């Protein structure tokens, strides 16, 4: 199945896996699933990072690279 991951799911999967529910963790680990993300997530991180938000401390370029890595690992 193909899943579109939102911004927080991407952040948590890459930086804070302990925040994921058991169901979400199982979906991410299932090799039969494919994950995609929207470029809007990178845009959202860039805006919130530039505002100095404490929940968006990852630089946008690093976020994009991590999201691409999550996507590539599944294919």
Protein backbone atom coordinates (compact mmCIF):
# COMPACT_ATOMS: atom_id res chain seq x y z
CA UNK A 1 0.00 0.00 0.00
CA UNK A 2 1.17 3.57 -0.65
CA UNK A 3 1.09 6.01 2.26
CA UNK A 4 1.44 9.79 2.11
CA UNK A 5 3.36 10.81 5.23
CA UNK A 6 2.60 14.16 6.79
CA UNK A 7 5.23 16.48 8.22
CA UNK A 8 5.03 15.27 11.80
CA UNK A 9 5.15 11.63 10.79
CA UNK A 10 8.33 12.34 8.82
CA UNK A 11 9.86 14.28 11.72
CA UNK A 12 9.02 11.58 14.21
CA UNK A 13 10.17 8.72 11.98
CA UNK A 14 13.52 10.39 11.40
CA UNK A 15 14.23 12.12 14.69
CA UNK A 16 11.84 10.91 17.40
CA UNK A 17 10.72 7.33 16.66
CA UNK A 18 9.62 6.93 20.29
CA UNK A 19 6.74 9.33 19.52
CA UNK A 20 5.30 6.95 16.92
CA UNK A 21 2.41 4.74 17.90
CA UNK A 22 2.96 0.98 17.68
CA UNK A 23 0.66 0.93 14.64
CA UNK A 24 2.61 3.67 12.86
CA UNK A 25 5.92 1.94 13.63
CA UNK A 26 4.62 -1.33 12.25
CA UNK A 27 3.43 0.37 9.04
CA UNK A 28 6.82 2.03 8.55
CA UNK A 29 8.66 -1.25 9.05
CA UNK A 30 6.46 -3.23 6.68
CA UNK A 31 8.51 -3.71 3.50
CA UNK A 32 5.29 -4.16 1.55
CA UNK A 33 4.38 -0.52 2.06
CA UNK A 34 5.56 2.42 -0.02
CA UNK A 35 5.91 5.90 1.47
CA UNK A 36 5.76 9.25 -0.25
CA UNK A 37 5.78 12.80 1.05
CA UNK A 38 4.79 16.18 -0.27
CA UNK A 39 7.26 18.95 -0.98
CA UNK A 40 4.85 21.05 1.08
CA UNK A 41 6.28 19.29 4.15
CA UNK A 42 9.74 20.69 3.33
CA UNK A 43 8.18 24.11 2.85
CA UNK A 44 6.38 23.83 6.21
CA UNK A 45 9.61 22.90 7.99
CA UNK A 46 11.45 25.79 6.32
CA UNK A 47 8.85 28.31 7.46
CA UNK A 48 8.62 27.02 11.01
CA UNK A 49 12.39 26.60 11.31
CA UNK A 50 12.88 30.23 10.24
CA UNK A 51 10.38 31.28 12.94
CA UNK A 52 12.52 29.56 15.57
CA UNK A 53 9.82 27.10 16.62
CA UNK A 54 11.07 24.65 19.23
CA UNK A 55 9.26 21.72 17.57
CA UNK A 56 10.99 22.35 14.22
CA UNK A 57 14.70 22.41 15.05
CA UNK A 58 15.86 20.39 12.05
CA UNK A 59 17.23 22.50 9.18
CA UNK A 60 15.03 22.20 6.06
CA UNK A 61 17.81 20.70 3.91
CA UNK A 62 18.50 18.01 6.52
CA UNK A 63 14.77 17.31 6.80
CA UNK A 64 14.52 16.84 3.03
CA UNK A 65 17.50 14.47 2.99
CA UNK A 66 16.06 12.42 5.87
CA UNK A 67 12.64 12.25 4.18
CA UNK A 68 14.23 11.09 0.93
CA UNK A 69 16.18 8.45 2.84
CA UNK A 70 12.96 7.13 4.46
CA UNK A 71 11.33 7.02 1.04
CA UNK A 72 14.28 5.27 -0.65
CA UNK A 73 14.67 2.65 2.09
CA UNK A 74 11.16 1.44 1.40
CA UNK A 75 11.55 0.96 -2.37
